[in-house]
Every structure is written in structure tokens, then in C-alpha cells.
C-alpha atoms as a PDB file:
ATOM      1  CA  MET A   1     167.235 113.796  69.000  1.00  0.00           C
ATOM      2  CA  ASP A   2     168.481 114.492  72.482  1.00  0.00           C
ATOM      3  CA  PHE A   3     167.414 112.484  75.503  1.00  0.00           C
ATOM      4  CA  LEU A   4     168.282 114.040  78.837  1.00  0.00           C
ATOM      5  CA  ALA A   5     169.691 111.991  81.668  1.00  0.00           C
ATOM      6  CA  ASP A   6     168.844 112.813  85.299  1.00  0.00           C
ATOM      7  CA  ASP A   7     172.050 114.774  85.815  1.00  0.00           C
ATOM      8  CA  GLU A   8     171.381 116.822  82.668  1.00  0.00           C
ATOM      9  CA  LEU A   9     167.955 117.868  83.890  1.00  0.00           C
ATOM     10  CA  THR A  10     169.574 119.930  86.634  1.00  0.00           C
ATOM     11  CA  LEU A  11     172.186 121.664  84.459  1.00  0.00           C
ATOM     12  CA  ASN A  12     172.927 125.267  85.182  1.00  0.00           C
ATOM     13  CA  GLN A  13     173.674 127.965  82.622  1.00  0.00           C
ATOM     14  CA  ASP A  14     177.438 127.606  83.037  1.00  0.00           C
ATOM     15  CA  ASP A  15     177.389 124.017  81.805  1.00  0.00           C
ATOM     16  CA  PRO A  16     178.198 123.821  78.052  1.00  0.00           C
ATOM     17  CA  ARG A  17     175.466 121.179  77.584  1.00  0.00           C
ATOM     18  CA  PHE A  18     172.808 123.634  78.798  1.00  0.00           C
ATOM     19  CA  LYS A  19     170.468 124.749  75.986  1.00  0.00           C
ATOM     20  CA  PRO A  20     168.641 127.931  76.956  1.00  0.00           C
ATOM     21  CA  LYS A  21     165.224 128.764  75.575  1.00  0.00           C
ATOM     22  CA  SER A  22     165.136 131.280  72.795  1.00  0.00           C
ATOM     23  CA  GLN A  23     166.228 134.804  73.590  1.00  0.00           C
ATOM     24  CA  ARG A  24     164.912 136.045  70.234  1.00  0.00           C
ATOM     25  CA  GLY A  25     161.676 137.623  71.417  1.00  0.00           C
ATOM     26  CA  ASN A  26     158.130 136.646  70.525  1.00  0.00           C
ATOM     27  CA  PHE A  27     157.931 138.246  67.068  1.00  0.00           C
ATOM     28  CA  THR A  28     161.207 136.800  65.797  1.00  0.00           C
ATOM     29  CA  ASP A  29     160.492 133.453  67.440  1.00  0.00           C
ATOM     30  CA  GLY A  30     157.051 133.374  65.780  1.00  0.00           C
ATOM     31  CA  ALA A  31     158.570 134.235  62.395  1.00  0.00           C
ATOM     32  CA  LEU A  32     161.168 131.474  62.772  1.00  0.00           C
ATOM     33  CA  GLY A  33     158.424 129.032  63.798  1.00  0.00           C
ATOM     34  CA  THR A  34     156.422 130.012  60.703  1.00  0.00           C
ATOM     35  CA  VAL A  35     159.339 129.500  58.318  1.00  0.00           C
ATOM     36  CA  SER A  36     160.267 126.218  60.015  1.00  0.00           C
ATOM     37  CA  GLY A  37     156.655 125.028  59.902  1.00  0.00           C
ATOM     38  CA  ILE A  38     156.337 125.756  56.186  1.00  0.00           C
ATOM     39  CA  ALA A  39     159.588 123.900  55.492  1.00  0.00           C
ATOM     40  CA  MET A  40     158.651 120.903  57.639  1.00  0.00           C
ATOM     41  CA  GLY A  41     155.090 120.768  56.266  1.00  0.00           C
ATOM     42  CA  THR A  42     156.484 120.643  52.738  1.00  0.00           C
ATOM     43  CA  ILE A  43     158.962 117.922  53.716  1.00  0.00           C
ATOM     44  CA  GLU A  44     156.239 115.878  55.471  1.00  0.00           C
ATOM     45  CA  ALA A  45     153.939 116.101  52.446  1.00  0.00           C
ATOM     46  CA  ALA A  46     156.764 114.990  50.176  1.00  0.00           C
ATOM     47  CA  THR A  47     158.191 112.182  52.315  1.00  0.00           C
ATOM     48  CA  ALA A  48     155.049 110.536  53.737  1.00  0.00           C
ATOM     49  CA  PRO A  49     155.342 107.457  51.462  1.00  0.00           C
ATOM     50  CA  ASP A  50     158.959 106.893  52.537  1.00  0.00           C
ATOM     51  CA  SER A  51     158.194 103.893  54.730  1.00  0.00           C
ATOM     52  CA  LEU A  52     156.704 102.125  51.719  1.00  0.00           C
ATOM     53  CA  ILE A  53     159.878 102.786  49.733  1.00  0.00           C
ATOM     54  CA  ARG A  54     162.627 102.657  52.362  1.00  0.00           C
ATOM     55  CA  GLY A  55     161.081 100.711  55.218  1.00  0.00           C
ATOM     56  CA  ASP A  56     159.846 101.939  58.582  1.00  0.00           C
ATOM     57  CA  LYS A  57     163.223 102.247  60.348  1.00  0.00           C
ATOM     58  CA  LYS A  58     164.888 104.218  57.525  1.00  0.00           C
ATOM     59  CA  ALA A  59     161.850 106.487  57.180  1.00  0.00           C
ATOM     60  CA  ALA A  60     161.954 107.117  60.938  1.00  0.00           C
ATOM     61  CA  ALA A  61     165.658 107.992  60.742  1.00  0.00           C
ATOM     62  CA  LEU A  62     164.966 110.370  57.844  1.00  0.00           C
ATOM     63  CA  ARG A  63     162.194 112.083  59.828  1.00  0.00           C
ATOM     64  CA  ALA A  64     164.502 112.532  62.821  1.00  0.00           C
ATOM     65  CA  GLN A  65     167.099 114.040  60.506  1.00  0.00           C
ATOM     66  CA  ASN A  66     164.502 116.373  58.947  1.00  0.00           C
ATOM     67  CA  LEU A  67     163.322 117.505  62.378  1.00  0.00           C
ATOM     68  CA  GLU A  68     166.925 118.217  63.348  1.00  0.00           C
ATOM     69  CA  ILE A  69     167.425 120.292  60.190  1.00  0.00           C
ATOM     70  CA  PHE A  70     164.117 122.141  59.898  1.00  0.00           C
ATOM     71  CA  LYS A  71     162.888 122.639  63.495  1.00  0.00           C
ATOM     72  CA  PRO A  72     164.983 124.580  66.001  1.00  0.00           C
ATOM     73  CA  ASP A  73     164.919 122.978  69.474  1.00  0.00           C
ATOM     74  CA  ASP A  74     164.890 126.311  71.272  1.00  0.00           C
ATOM     75  CA  LEU A  75     161.557 127.645  70.003  1.00  0.00           C
ATOM     76  CA  GLY A  76     159.525 129.362  72.697  1.00  0.00           C
ATOM     77  CA  GLY A  77     155.749 129.162  73.072  1.00  0.00           C
ATOM     78  CA  VAL A  78     154.967 131.513  70.187  1.00  0.00           C
ATOM     79  CA  GLY A  79     157.439 129.727  67.906  1.00  0.00           C
ATOM     80  CA  GLU A  80     156.018 126.302  68.742  1.00  0.00           C
ATOM     81  CA  PHE A  81     152.478 127.563  68.086  1.00  0.00           C
ATOM     82  CA  THR A  82     153.298 129.087  64.703  1.00  0.00           C
ATOM     83  CA  TYR A  83     155.437 126.064  63.782  1.00  0.00           C
ATOM     84  CA  GLY A  84     152.605 123.585  64.419  1.00  0.00           C
ATOM     85  CA  LEU A  85     149.978 125.741  62.755  1.00  0.00           C
ATOM     86  CA  THR A  86     151.950 126.501  59.596  1.00  0.00           C
ATOM     87  CA  LYS A  87     153.207 122.911  59.326  1.00  0.00           C
ATOM     88  CA  ASP A  88     149.646 121.565  59.195  1.00  0.00           C
ATOM     89  CA  PHE A  89     148.325 124.320  56.908  1.00  0.00           C
ATOM     90  CA  THR A  90     151.271 123.783  54.553  1.00  0.00           C
ATOM     91  CA  ARG A  91     150.454 120.067  54.364  1.00  0.00           C
ATOM     92  CA  ILE A  92     146.799 120.911  53.685  1.00  0.00           C
ATOM     93  CA  GLY A  93     147.878 123.327  50.939  1.00  0.00           C
ATOM     94  CA  TRP A  94     150.102 120.766  49.227  1.00  0.00           C
ATOM     95  CA  ASN A  95     147.330 118.170  49.495  1.00  0.00           C
ATOM     96  CA  ALA A  96     144.893 120.614  47.885  1.00  0.00           C
ATOM     97  CA  VAL A  97     147.341 121.165  45.008  1.00  0.00           C
ATOM     98  CA  THR A  98     147.776 117.388  44.670  1.00  0.00           C
ATOM     99  CA  THR A  99     144.031 116.796  44.463  1.00  0.00           C
ATOM    100  CA  LEU A 100     143.284 119.819  42.260  1.00  0.00           C
ATOM    101  CA  GLY A 101     140.284 119.154  40.059  1.00  0.00           C
ATOM    102  CA  THR A 102     138.475 116.953  42.525  1.00  0.00           C
ATOM    103  CA  GLY A 103     135.653 118.514  44.427  1.00  0.00           C
ATOM    104  CA  GLY A 104     132.822 117.690  46.762  1.00  0.00           C
ATOM    105  CA  VAL A 105     132.927 114.487  48.766  1.00  0.00           C
ATOM    106  CA  PRO A 106     135.697 112.811  46.681  1.00  0.00           C
ATOM    107  CA  GLY A 107     137.961 115.845  47.124  1.00  0.00           C
ATOM    108  CA  LEU A 108     137.233 115.991  50.836  1.00  0.00           C
ATOM    109  CA  ALA A 109     137.927 112.260  51.183  1.00  0.00           C
ATOM    110  CA  LEU A 110     141.222 112.558  49.281  1.00  0.00           C
ATOM    111  CA  ASN A 111     142.387 115.590  51.242  1.00  0.00           C
ATOM    112  CA  SER A 112     141.472 114.206  54.656  1.00  0.00           C
ATOM    113  CA  GLY A 113     142.935 110.810  53.705  1.00  0.00           C
ATOM    114  CA  LEU A 114     146.237 112.371  52.664  1.00  0.00           C
ATOM    115  CA  PHE A 115     146.328 114.494  55.809  1.00  0.00           C
ATOM    116  CA  GLY A 116     145.624 111.462  58.006  1.00  0.00           C
ATOM    117  CA  TYR A 117     148.201 109.326  56.199  1.00  0.00           C
ATOM    118  CA  GLN A 118     150.902 111.984  56.597  1.00  0.00           C
ATOM    119  CA  THR A 119     150.076 112.235  60.304  1.00  0.00           C
ATOM    120  CA  PHE A 120     150.184 108.426  60.594  1.00  0.00           C
ATOM    121  CA  GLU A 121     153.657 108.284  59.043  1.00  0.00           C
ATOM    122  CA  ALA A 122     154.982 111.172  61.160  1.00  0.00           C
ATOM    123  CA  GLU A 123     153.628 109.758  64.429  1.00  0.00           C
ATOM    124  CA  LYS A 124     154.802 106.221  63.624  1.00  0.00           C
ATOM    125  CA  SER A 125     158.301 107.543  62.886  1.00  0.00           C
ATOM    126  CA  ASP A 126     158.362 109.617  66.073  1.00  0.00           C
ATOM    127  CA  LEU A 127     157.338 106.603  68.159  1.00  0.00           C
ATOM    128  CA  LEU A 128     159.983 104.410  66.496  1.00  0.00           C
ATOM    129  CA  ASN A 129     162.591 107.069  67.226  1.00  0.00           C
ATOM    130  CA  LYS A 130     161.515 107.076  70.876  1.00  0.00           C
ATOM    131  CA  GLY A 131     162.119 103.314  71.083  1.00  0.00           C
ATOM    132  CA  ALA A 132     158.655 101.823  70.514  1.00  0.00           C
ATOM    133  CA  ASP A 133     158.358  98.517  68.688  1.00  0.00           C
ATOM    134  CA  ILE A 134     156.888  98.564  65.174  1.00  0.00           C
ATOM    135  CA  LYS A 135     153.456  97.217  66.208  1.00  0.00           C
ATOM    136  CA  THR A 136     153.020  99.861  68.907  1.00  0.00           C
ATOM    137  CA  ALA A 137     154.281 102.581  66.559  1.00  0.00           C
ATOM    138  CA  ARG A 138     151.808 101.546  63.852  1.00  0.00           C
ATOM    139  CA  THR A 139     148.935 101.440  66.349  1.00  0.00           C
ATOM    140  CA  GLY A 140     149.776 104.866  67.778  1.00  0.00           C
ATOM    141  CA  GLY A 141     150.252 106.287  64.289  1.00  0.00           C
ATOM    142  CA  ALA A 142     146.933 104.834  63.143  1.00  0.00           C
ATOM    143  CA  ILE A 143     145.055 106.334  66.086  1.00  0.00           C
ATOM    144  CA  LYS A 144     146.541 109.774  65.509  1.00  0.00           C
ATOM    145  CA  GLY A 145     146.159 109.522  61.720  1.00  0.00           C
ATOM    146  CA  VAL A 146     142.469 108.575  61.877  1.00  0.00           C
ATOM    147  CA  THR A 147     141.839 111.272  64.477  1.00  0.00           C
ATOM    148  CA  ASP A 148     143.517 113.930  62.315  1.00  0.00           C
ATOM    149  CA  ALA A 149     141.696 112.749  59.178  1.00  0.00           C
ATOM    150  CA  LEU A 150     138.347 112.980  60.968  1.00  0.00           C
ATOM    151  CA  GLY A 151     139.335 116.287  62.548  1.00  0.00           C
ATOM    152  CA  PHE A 152     140.001 117.599  59.052  1.00  0.00           C
ATOM    153  CA  ALA A 153     136.936 116.087  57.348  1.00  0.00           C
ATOM    154  CA  ILE A 154     134.170 116.708  59.876  1.00  0.00           C
ATOM    155  CA  PRO A 155     134.498 120.517  60.177  1.00  0.00           C
ATOM    156  CA  THR A 156     134.942 121.006  56.406  1.00  0.00           C
ATOM    157  CA  HIS A 157     132.101 118.699  55.370  1.00  0.00           C
ATOM    158  CA  GLY A 158     129.599 120.683  53.365  1.00  0.00           C
ATOM    159  CA  VAL A 159     131.965 123.542  52.532  1.00  0.00           C
ATOM    160  CA  ASN A 160     131.684 122.833  48.792  1.00  0.00           C
ATOM    161  CA  GLU A 161     127.947 122.160  48.860  1.00  0.00           C
ATOM    162  CA  GLN A 162     125.714 124.939  47.579  1.00  0.00           C
END
């Protein structure tokens, strides 16, 4: 995770610390964002309970490490879009596999709950990595987690009803 100081914000291209935006082109950047999103979505689905096992600080450090490994920092607009989209759809897919056999309202509740919990853990870890205290990180994570759970459940409510 890189934080830029004031002097680094005005770097020119000759400075070795300068990180240019992707020169890959939109198609290649979108493909890289898709692959990265699928990888990170799988990792997020698998590591969401980490804070229960390892503790909040270690889980936050693991998330920062996973972001460093699986998400290139020079993605352009198309890459960022495909990364975010495929990351969330990958998590939804893994949650659907996890809750296979449940249907109707219980299945919807399980899927939206898992999606919200994974968002809670990711947001809490991101806030901890940015220097927030644990109470603030949990509050911010809870707000985003509940919002994502509702954003998942409300539009899909009634999909399985006939």
C-alpha cells in the first residue's frame, strides 16, 4: 500500500518513483481487470472469516498483501470497472455454490448475508490499513456490509417465486 507524500504528488515521468497509468489499451486492461477481479473475488470469499481466526490486524495485513498480489495498481478506467464487477460477481458465484440446495427466502438471506459479511470484512480491513481505529473500522465496515447485503437482497427478492 503506497501513500504519496506532497512531493511525490508532483513527480514527473523521469522520476523513478513515478508510476504511469496503464499503457496496455482498453481491451487488454479490461481483460487484466477481469482476471484480477476473479482472483480477488475468490480470495475474498475464502478469507472473509480471517478476522475471527487471526484477529482484525492480521486479517487486515493479509488483505493488504492480497490486494498487492492480485490487483495491479496501474489499472485504467476499463480495468477498474471490470475488476470491481467481476470481483463482486465471483463472490456471488462462490456464495451460491456454498448455499447450494437452499432456495427461496432462506437462500436469499444466506447469499445476501454472506455477501454483506464479506464486504464488512473487506471494508474493515481497508479502513484499518488506512490507519482507522478498530471501532471506526468496524462501524464503517458494518455500514458498507449492511448496504451491500440490502443492495443484493432487495433487487433479487422474488426471483425464485413462481
